Full PDB file with SEQRES, HELIX, SHEET, SSBOND, CRYST1, ORIGX, SCALE, CONECT and MASTER records, all heavy atoms in Angstrom:
SEQRES   1 A   31  VAL ALA ASP VAL SER VAL ALA THR GLU ALA SER VAL THR          
SEQRES   2 A   31  GLU LEU SER PRO GLY ASP ARG ARG LYS ARG ILE ALA ASP          
SEQRES   3 A   31  ARG VAL PRO ALA GLU                                          
HELIX    1 AA1 ALA A    2  THR A   13  1                                  12    
HELIX    2 AA2 PRO A   17  ALA A   30  1                                  14    
CRYST1    1.000    1.000    1.000  90.00  90.00  90.00 P 1           1          
ORIGX1      1.000000  0.000000  0.000000        0.00000                         
ORIGX2      0.000000  1.000000  0.000000        0.00000                         
ORIGX3      0.000000  0.000000  1.000000        0.00000                         
SCALE1      1.000000  0.000000  0.000000        0.00000                         
SCALE2      0.000000  1.000000  0.000000        0.00000                         
SCALE3      0.000000  0.000000  1.000000        0.00000                         
ATOM      1  N   VAL A   1       0.837  -1.199   0.000  1.00  0.00           N  
ATOM      2  CA  VAL A   1       0.000   0.000   0.000  1.00  0.00           C  
ATOM      3  C   VAL A   1       0.867   1.241   0.000  1.00  0.00           C  
ATOM      4  O   VAL A   1       0.626   2.189  -0.731  1.00  0.00           O  
ATOM      5  CB  VAL A   1      -0.954   0.005   1.219  1.00  0.00           C  
ATOM      6  CG1 VAL A   1      -1.644   1.343   1.359  1.00  0.00           C  
ATOM      7  CG2 VAL A   1      -1.978  -1.107   1.071  1.00  0.00           C  
ATOM      8  N   ALA A   2       1.929   1.240   0.803  1.00  0.00           N  
ATOM      9  CA  ALA A   2       2.831   2.385   0.852  1.00  0.00           C  
ATOM     10  C   ALA A   2       3.470   2.609  -0.504  1.00  0.00           C  
ATOM     11  O   ALA A   2       3.592   3.734  -0.960  1.00  0.00           O  
ATOM     12  CB  ALA A   2       3.899   2.184   1.917  1.00  0.00           C  
ATOM     13  N   ASP A   3       3.865   1.525  -1.173  1.00  0.00           N  
ATOM     14  CA  ASP A   3       4.485   1.653  -2.495  1.00  0.00           C  
ATOM     15  C   ASP A   3       3.515   2.261  -3.495  1.00  0.00           C  
ATOM     16  O   ASP A   3       3.875   3.117  -4.295  1.00  0.00           O  
ATOM     17  CB  ASP A   3       4.956   0.289  -3.006  1.00  0.00           C  
ATOM     18  CG  ASP A   3       6.154  -0.246  -2.219  1.00  0.00           C  
ATOM     19  OD1 ASP A   3       6.807   0.557  -1.515  1.00  0.00           O  
ATOM     20  OD2 ASP A   3       6.404  -1.451  -2.314  1.00  0.00           O  
ATOM     21  N   VAL A   4       2.253   1.832  -3.467  1.00  0.00           N  
ATOM     22  CA  VAL A   4       1.242   2.381  -4.384  1.00  0.00           C  
ATOM     23  C   VAL A   4       1.038   3.853  -4.088  1.00  0.00           C  
ATOM     24  O   VAL A   4       0.958   4.677  -4.985  1.00  0.00           O  
ATOM     25  CB  VAL A   4      -0.091   1.608  -4.243  1.00  0.00           C  
ATOM     26  CG1 VAL A   4      -1.198   2.310  -4.980  1.00  0.00           C  
ATOM     27  CG2 VAL A   4       0.086   0.185  -4.749  1.00  0.00           C  
ATOM     28  N   SER A   5       0.971   4.214  -2.814  1.00  0.00           N  
ATOM     29  CA  SER A   5       0.788   5.606  -2.423  1.00  0.00           C  
ATOM     30  C   SER A   5       1.908   6.486  -2.952  1.00  0.00           C  
ATOM     31  O   SER A   5       1.678   7.560  -3.487  1.00  0.00           O  
ATOM     32  CB  SER A   5       0.706   5.696  -0.901  1.00  0.00           C  
ATOM     33  OG  SER A   5       0.897   6.997  -0.480  1.00  0.00           O  
ATOM     34  N   VAL A   6       3.146   6.032  -2.807  1.00  0.00           N  
ATOM     35  CA  VAL A   6       4.294   6.799  -3.279  1.00  0.00           C  
ATOM     36  C   VAL A   6       4.238   6.948  -4.792  1.00  0.00           C  
ATOM     37  O   VAL A   6       4.466   8.019  -5.342  1.00  0.00           O  
ATOM     38  CB  VAL A   6       5.617   6.137  -2.833  1.00  0.00           C  
ATOM     39  CG1 VAL A   6       6.803   6.759  -3.536  1.00  0.00           C  
ATOM     40  CG2 VAL A   6       5.753   6.236  -1.325  1.00  0.00           C  
ATOM     41  N   ALA A   7       3.867   5.874  -5.488  1.00  0.00           N  
ATOM     42  CA  ALA A   7       3.783   5.932  -6.951  1.00  0.00           C  
ATOM     43  C   ALA A   7       2.702   6.906  -7.380  1.00  0.00           C  
ATOM     44  O   ALA A   7       2.878   7.666  -8.328  1.00  0.00           O  
ATOM     45  CB  ALA A   7       3.500   4.537  -7.503  1.00  0.00           C  
ATOM     46  N   THR A   8       1.558   6.905  -6.693  1.00  0.00           N  
ATOM     47  CA  THR A   8       0.474   7.816  -7.042  1.00  0.00           C  
ATOM     48  C   THR A   8       0.903   9.262  -6.836  1.00  0.00           C  
ATOM     49  O   THR A   8       0.669  10.111  -7.673  1.00  0.00           O  
ATOM     50  CB  THR A   8      -0.778   7.518  -6.185  1.00  0.00           C  
ATOM     51  OG1 THR A   8      -1.142   6.168  -6.402  1.00  0.00           O  
ATOM     52  CG2 THR A   8      -1.917   8.420  -6.554  1.00  0.00           C  
ATOM     53  N   GLU A   9       1.558   9.546  -5.701  1.00  0.00           N  
ATOM     54  CA  GLU A   9       2.016  10.908  -5.437  1.00  0.00           C  
ATOM     55  C   GLU A   9       2.998  11.371  -6.502  1.00  0.00           C  
ATOM     56  O   GLU A   9       2.935  12.496  -6.975  1.00  0.00           O  
ATOM     57  CB  GLU A   9       2.667  10.994  -4.057  1.00  0.00           C  
ATOM     58  CG  GLU A   9       1.672  10.932  -2.926  1.00  0.00           C  
ATOM     59  CD  GLU A   9       2.344  10.937  -1.573  1.00  0.00           C  
ATOM     60  OE1 GLU A   9       3.484  11.411  -1.479  1.00  0.00           O  
ATOM     61  OE2 GLU A   9       1.723  10.494  -0.604  1.00  0.00           O  
ATOM     62  N   ALA A  10       3.908  10.484  -6.897  1.00  0.00           N  
ATOM     63  CA  ALA A  10       4.899  10.857  -7.901  1.00  0.00           C  
ATOM     64  C   ALA A  10       4.228  11.179  -9.224  1.00  0.00           C  
ATOM     65  O   ALA A  10       4.576  12.138  -9.889  1.00  0.00           O  
ATOM     66  CB  ALA A  10       5.910   9.733  -8.072  1.00  0.00           C  
ATOM     67  N   SER A  11       3.212  10.391  -9.622  1.00  0.00           N  
ATOM     68  CA  SER A  11       2.576  10.635 -10.909  1.00  0.00           C  
ATOM     69  C   SER A  11       1.788  11.940 -10.888  1.00  0.00           C  
ATOM     70  O   SER A  11       1.714  12.633 -11.888  1.00  0.00           O  
ATOM     71  CB  SER A  11       1.667   9.460 -11.290  1.00  0.00           C  
ATOM     72  OG  SER A  11       0.621   9.322 -10.355  1.00  0.00           O  
ATOM     73  N   VAL A  12       1.207  12.296  -9.742  1.00  0.00           N  
ATOM     74  CA  VAL A  12       0.468  13.556  -9.649  1.00  0.00           C  
ATOM     75  C   VAL A  12       1.410  14.741  -9.781  1.00  0.00           C  
ATOM     76  O   VAL A  12       1.117  15.693 -10.491  1.00  0.00           O  
ATOM     77  CB  VAL A  12      -0.323  13.632  -8.317  1.00  0.00           C  
ATOM     78  CG1 VAL A  12      -0.853  15.029  -8.080  1.00  0.00           C  
ATOM     79  CG2 VAL A  12      -1.462  12.637  -8.330  1.00  0.00           C  
ATOM     80  N   THR A  13       2.562  14.683  -9.126  1.00  0.00           N  
ATOM     81  CA  THR A  13       3.475  15.818  -9.174  1.00  0.00           C  
ATOM     82  C   THR A  13       4.101  15.983 -10.551  1.00  0.00           C  
ATOM     83  O   THR A  13       4.639  17.030 -10.853  1.00  0.00           O  
ATOM     84  CB  THR A  13       4.598  15.699  -8.119  1.00  0.00           C  
ATOM     85  OG1 THR A  13       5.303  14.485  -8.334  1.00  0.00           O  
ATOM     86  CG2 THR A  13       4.032  15.752  -6.722  1.00  0.00           C  
ATOM     87  N   GLU A  14       4.017  14.965 -11.376  1.00  0.00           N  
ATOM     88  CA  GLU A  14       4.593  15.046 -12.712  1.00  0.00           C  
ATOM     89  C   GLU A  14       3.582  15.519 -13.757  1.00  0.00           C  
ATOM     90  O   GLU A  14       3.877  15.503 -14.941  1.00  0.00           O  
ATOM     91  CB  GLU A  14       5.164  13.683 -13.107  1.00  0.00           C  
ATOM     92  CG  GLU A  14       6.346  13.285 -12.237  1.00  0.00           C  
ATOM     93  CD  GLU A  14       6.817  11.868 -12.506  1.00  0.00           C  
ATOM     94  OE1 GLU A  14       6.320  11.225 -13.448  1.00  0.00           O  
ATOM     95  OE2 GLU A  14       7.695  11.409 -11.768  1.00  0.00           O  
ATOM     96  N   LEU A  15       2.394  15.915 -13.345  1.00  0.00           N  
ATOM     97  CA  LEU A  15       1.402  16.399 -14.294  1.00  0.00           C  
ATOM     98  C   LEU A  15       1.909  17.656 -14.981  1.00  0.00           C  
ATOM     99  O   LEU A  15       2.491  18.531 -14.351  1.00  0.00           O  
ATOM    100  CB  LEU A  15       0.079  16.736 -13.581  1.00  0.00           C  
ATOM    101  CG  LEU A  15      -0.775  15.580 -13.102  1.00  0.00           C  
ATOM    102  CD1 LEU A  15      -1.964  16.121 -12.312  1.00  0.00           C  
ATOM    103  CD2 LEU A  15      -1.254  14.744 -14.271  1.00  0.00           C  
ATOM    104  N   SER A  16       1.630  17.750 -16.257  1.00  0.00           N  
ATOM    105  CA  SER A  16       1.974  18.978 -16.978  1.00  0.00           C  
ATOM    106  C   SER A  16       0.999  20.072 -16.551  1.00  0.00           C  
ATOM    107  O   SER A  16      -0.093  19.774 -16.045  1.00  0.00           O  
ATOM    108  CB  SER A  16       1.858  18.743 -18.483  1.00  0.00           C  
ATOM    109  OG  SER A  16       0.488  18.615 -18.847  1.00  0.00           O  
ATOM    110  N   PRO A  17       1.339  21.336 -16.765  1.00  0.00           N  
ATOM    111  CA  PRO A  17       0.403  22.414 -16.431  1.00  0.00           C  
ATOM    112  C   PRO A  17      -0.953  22.235 -17.120  1.00  0.00           C  
ATOM    113  O   PRO A  17      -1.995  22.457 -16.515  1.00  0.00           O  
ATOM    114  CB  PRO A  17       1.120  23.672 -16.924  1.00  0.00           C  
ATOM    115  CG  PRO A  17       2.575  23.324 -16.835  1.00  0.00           C  
ATOM    116  CD  PRO A  17       2.642  21.858 -17.193  1.00  0.00           C  
ATOM    117  N   GLY A  18      -0.933  21.794 -18.363  1.00  0.00           N  
ATOM    118  CA  GLY A  18      -2.195  21.575 -19.082  1.00  0.00           C  
ATOM    119  C   GLY A  18      -3.044  20.491 -18.450  1.00  0.00           C  
ATOM    120  O   GLY A  18      -4.273  20.623 -18.348  1.00  0.00           O  
ATOM    121  N   ASP A  19      -2.401  19.398 -18.005  1.00  0.00           N  
ATOM    122  CA  ASP A  19      -3.136  18.313 -17.355  1.00  0.00           C  
ATOM    123  C   ASP A  19      -3.691  18.759 -16.000  1.00  0.00           C  
ATOM    124  O   ASP A  19      -4.801  18.395 -15.629  1.00  0.00           O  
ATOM    125  CB  ASP A  19      -2.232  17.086 -17.176  1.00  0.00           C  
ATOM    126  CG  ASP A  19      -1.930  16.395 -18.490  1.00  0.00           C  
ATOM    127  OD1 ASP A  19      -2.688  16.579 -19.468  1.00  0.00           O  
ATOM    128  OD2 ASP A  19      -0.918  15.670 -18.549  1.00  0.00           O  
ATOM    129  N   ARG A  20      -2.901  19.569 -15.264  1.00  0.00           N  
ATOM    130  CA  ARG A  20      -3.391  20.105 -13.977  1.00  0.00           C  
ATOM    131  C   ARG A  20      -4.631  20.948 -14.219  1.00  0.00           C  
ATOM    132  O   ARG A  20      -5.633  20.816 -13.525  1.00  0.00           O  
ATOM    133  CB  ARG A  20      -2.332  20.984 -13.308  1.00  0.00           C  
ATOM    134  CG  ARG A  20      -1.302  20.291 -12.505  1.00  0.00           C  
ATOM    135  CD  ARG A  20      -0.560  21.262 -11.589  1.00  0.00           C  
ATOM    136  NE  ARG A  20      -0.334  22.582 -12.135  1.00  0.00           N  
ATOM    137  CZ  ARG A  20       0.756  22.955 -12.807  1.00  0.00           C  
ATOM    138  NH1 ARG A  20       1.730  22.101 -13.007  1.00  0.00           N  
ATOM    139  NH2 ARG A  20       0.877  24.189 -13.257  1.00  0.00           N  
ATOM    140  N   ARG A  21      -4.552  21.827 -15.197  1.00  0.00           N  
ATOM    141  CA  ARG A  21      -5.683  22.729 -15.477  1.00  0.00           C  
ATOM    142  C   ARG A  21      -6.911  21.951 -15.923  1.00  0.00           C  
ATOM    143  O   ARG A  21      -8.035  22.316 -15.580  1.00  0.00           O  
ATOM    144  CB  ARG A  21      -5.264  23.770 -16.508  1.00  0.00           C  
ATOM    145  CG  ARG A  21      -4.238  24.717 -15.941  1.00  0.00           C  
ATOM    146  CD  ARG A  21      -3.735  25.715 -16.958  1.00  0.00           C  
ATOM    147  NE  ARG A  21      -2.575  26.386 -16.406  1.00  0.00           N  
ATOM    148  CZ  ARG A  21      -1.451  26.587 -17.056  1.00  0.00           C  
ATOM    149  NH1 ARG A  21      -1.326  26.227 -18.316  1.00  0.00           N  
ATOM    150  NH2 ARG A  21      -0.437  27.185 -16.460  1.00  0.00           N  
ATOM    151  N   LYS A  22      -6.706  20.894 -16.671  1.00  0.00           N  
ATOM    152  CA  LYS A  22      -7.843  20.060 -17.099  1.00  0.00           C  
ATOM    153  C   LYS A  22      -8.501  19.412 -15.890  1.00  0.00           C  
ATOM    154  O   LYS A  22      -9.723  19.376 -15.788  1.00  0.00           O  
ATOM    155  CB  LYS A  22      -7.401  19.004 -18.097  1.00  0.00           C  
ATOM    156  CG  LYS A  22      -8.556  18.087 -18.494  1.00  0.00           C  
ATOM    157  CD  LYS A  22      -8.335  17.401 -19.782  1.00  0.00           C  
ATOM    158  CE  LYS A  22      -9.461  16.473 -20.199  1.00  0.00           C  
ATOM    159  NZ  LYS A  22     -10.762  16.668 -19.644  1.00  0.00           N  
ATOM    160  N   ARG A  23      -7.691  18.920 -14.967  1.00  0.00           N  
ATOM    161  CA  ARG A  23      -8.259  18.332 -13.742  1.00  0.00           C  
ATOM    162  C   ARG A  23      -9.081  19.363 -12.978  1.00  0.00           C  
ATOM    163  O   ARG A  23     -10.156  19.066 -12.482  1.00  0.00           O  
ATOM    164  CB  ARG A  23      -7.147  17.802 -12.831  1.00  0.00           C  
ATOM    165  CG  ARG A  23      -6.670  16.447 -13.202  1.00  0.00           C  
ATOM    166  CD  ARG A  23      -5.923  15.849 -12.042  1.00  0.00           C  
ATOM    167  NE  ARG A  23      -5.334  14.589 -12.462  1.00  0.00           N  
ATOM    168  CZ  ARG A  23      -4.801  13.735 -11.621  1.00  0.00           C  
ATOM    169  NH1 ARG A  23      -4.756  13.996 -10.337  1.00  0.00           N  
ATOM    170  NH2 ARG A  23      -4.295  12.607 -12.057  1.00  0.00           N  
ATOM    171  N   ILE A  24      -8.533  20.570 -12.861  1.00  0.00           N  
ATOM    172  CA  ILE A  24      -9.253  21.635 -12.148  1.00  0.00           C  
ATOM    173  C   ILE A  24     -10.543  21.970 -12.891  1.00  0.00           C  
ATOM    174  O   ILE A  24     -11.612  22.052 -12.296  1.00  0.00           O  
ATOM    175  CB  ILE A  24      -8.367  22.889 -11.992  1.00  0.00           C  
ATOM    176  CG1 ILE A  24      -7.188  22.597 -11.061  1.00  0.00           C  
ATOM    177  CG2 ILE A  24      -9.195  24.062 -11.463  1.00  0.00           C  
ATOM    178  CD1 ILE A  24      -6.120  23.679 -11.046  1.00  0.00           C  
ATOM    179  N   ALA A  25     -10.446  22.164 -14.203  1.00  0.00           N  
ATOM    180  CA  ALA A  25     -11.615  22.546 -15.009  1.00  0.00           C  
ATOM    181  C   ALA A  25     -12.692  21.474 -14.985  1.00  0.00           C  
ATOM    182  O   ALA A  25     -13.878  21.791 -15.034  1.00  0.00           O  
ATOM    183  CB  ALA A  25     -11.180  22.826 -16.451  1.00  0.00           C  
ATOM    184  N   ASP A  26     -12.320  20.216 -14.888  1.00  0.00           N  
ATOM    185  CA  ASP A  26     -13.299  19.127 -14.810  1.00  0.00           C  
ATOM    186  C   ASP A  26     -13.903  19.022 -13.422  1.00  0.00           C  
ATOM    187  O   ASP A  26     -15.085  18.731 -13.269  1.00  0.00           O  
ATOM    188  CB  ASP A  26     -12.637  17.787 -15.162  1.00  0.00           C  
ATOM    189  CG  ASP A  26     -12.274  17.676 -16.632  1.00  0.00           C  
ATOM    190  OD1 ASP A  26     -12.785  18.475 -17.454  1.00  0.00           O  
ATOM    191  OD2 ASP A  26     -11.455  16.795 -16.962  1.00  0.00           O  
ATOM    192  N   ARG A  27     -13.096  19.270 -12.410  1.00  0.00           N  
ATOM    193  CA  ARG A  27     -13.540  19.042 -11.038  1.00  0.00           C  
ATOM    194  C   ARG A  27     -14.452  20.140 -10.506  1.00  0.00           C  
ATOM    195  O   ARG A  27     -15.430  19.849  -9.819  1.00  0.00           O  
ATOM    196  CB  ARG A  27     -12.312  18.905 -10.133  1.00  0.00           C  
ATOM    197  CG  ARG A  27     -12.694  18.478  -8.744  1.00  0.00           C  
ATOM    198  CD  ARG A  27     -11.539  17.967  -7.969  1.00  0.00           C  
ATOM    199  NE  ARG A  27     -12.004  17.722  -6.614  1.00  0.00           N  
ATOM    200  CZ  ARG A  27     -11.236  17.763  -5.570  1.00  0.00           C  
ATOM    201  NH1 ARG A  27      -9.959  17.983  -5.697  1.00  0.00           N  
ATOM    202  NH2 ARG A  27     -11.733  17.561  -4.377  1.00  0.00           N  
ATOM    203  N   VAL A  28     -14.164  21.387 -10.821  1.00  0.00           N  
ATOM    204  CA  VAL A  28     -14.956  22.495 -10.258  1.00  0.00           C  
ATOM    205  C   VAL A  28     -16.434  22.378 -10.627  1.00  0.00           C  
ATOM    206  O   VAL A  28     -17.294  22.402  -9.752  1.00  0.00           O  
ATOM    207  CB  VAL A  28     -14.356  23.863 -10.650  1.00  0.00           C  
ATOM    208  CG1 VAL A  28     -15.293  24.991 -10.278  1.00  0.00           C  
ATOM    209  CG2 VAL A  28     -13.002  24.040  -9.981  1.00  0.00           C  
ATOM    210  N   PRO A  29     -16.795  22.240 -11.913  1.00  0.00           N  
ATOM    211  CA  PRO A  29     -18.226  22.130 -12.221  1.00  0.00           C  
ATOM    212  C   PRO A  29     -18.848  20.843 -11.685  1.00  0.00           C  
ATOM    213  O   PRO A  29     -20.011  20.836 -11.307  1.00  0.00           O  
ATOM    214  CB  PRO A  29     -18.290  22.160 -13.744  1.00  0.00           C  
ATOM    215  CG  PRO A  29     -16.917  22.301 -14.249  1.00  0.00           C  
ATOM    216  CD  PRO A  29     -15.973  22.292 -13.102  1.00  0.00           C  
ATOM    217  N   ALA A  30     -18.077  19.767 -11.637  1.00  0.00           N  
ATOM    218  CA  ALA A  30     -18.611  18.495 -11.162  1.00  0.00           C  
ATOM    219  C   ALA A  30     -18.977  18.555  -9.684  1.00  0.00           C  
ATOM    220  O   ALA A  30     -19.967  17.977  -9.257  1.00  0.00           O  
ATOM    221  CB  ALA A  30     -17.602  17.382 -11.407  1.00  0.00           C  
ATOM    222  N   GLU A  31     -18.173  19.271  -8.895  1.00  0.00           N  
ATOM    223  CA  GLU A  31     -18.391  19.323  -7.450  1.00  0.00           C  
ATOM    224  C   GLU A  31     -19.026  20.621  -6.985  1.00  0.00           C  
ATOM    225  O   GLU A  31     -19.453  20.722  -5.850  1.00  0.00           O  
ATOM    226  CB  GLU A  31     -17.065  19.088  -6.715  1.00  0.00           C  
ATOM    227  CG  GLU A  31     -16.522  17.697  -6.973  1.00  0.00           C  
ATOM    228  CD  GLU A  31     -15.282  17.389  -6.171  1.00  0.00           C  
ATOM    229  OE1 GLU A  31     -15.107  17.967  -5.088  1.00  0.00           O  
ATOM    230  OE2 GLU A  31     -14.490  16.571  -6.653  1.00  0.00           O  
TER     231      GLU A  31                                                      
MASTER        0    0    0    2    0    0    0    6  230    1    0    3          
END                                                                             
């Protein structure tokens, strides 16, 4: 579980600015 958590955190921090903005743009109207 710890290994999966570390891998997930690493992949999130490697998001490009465009991918980050897409996540934000998708999440705000949904929530």
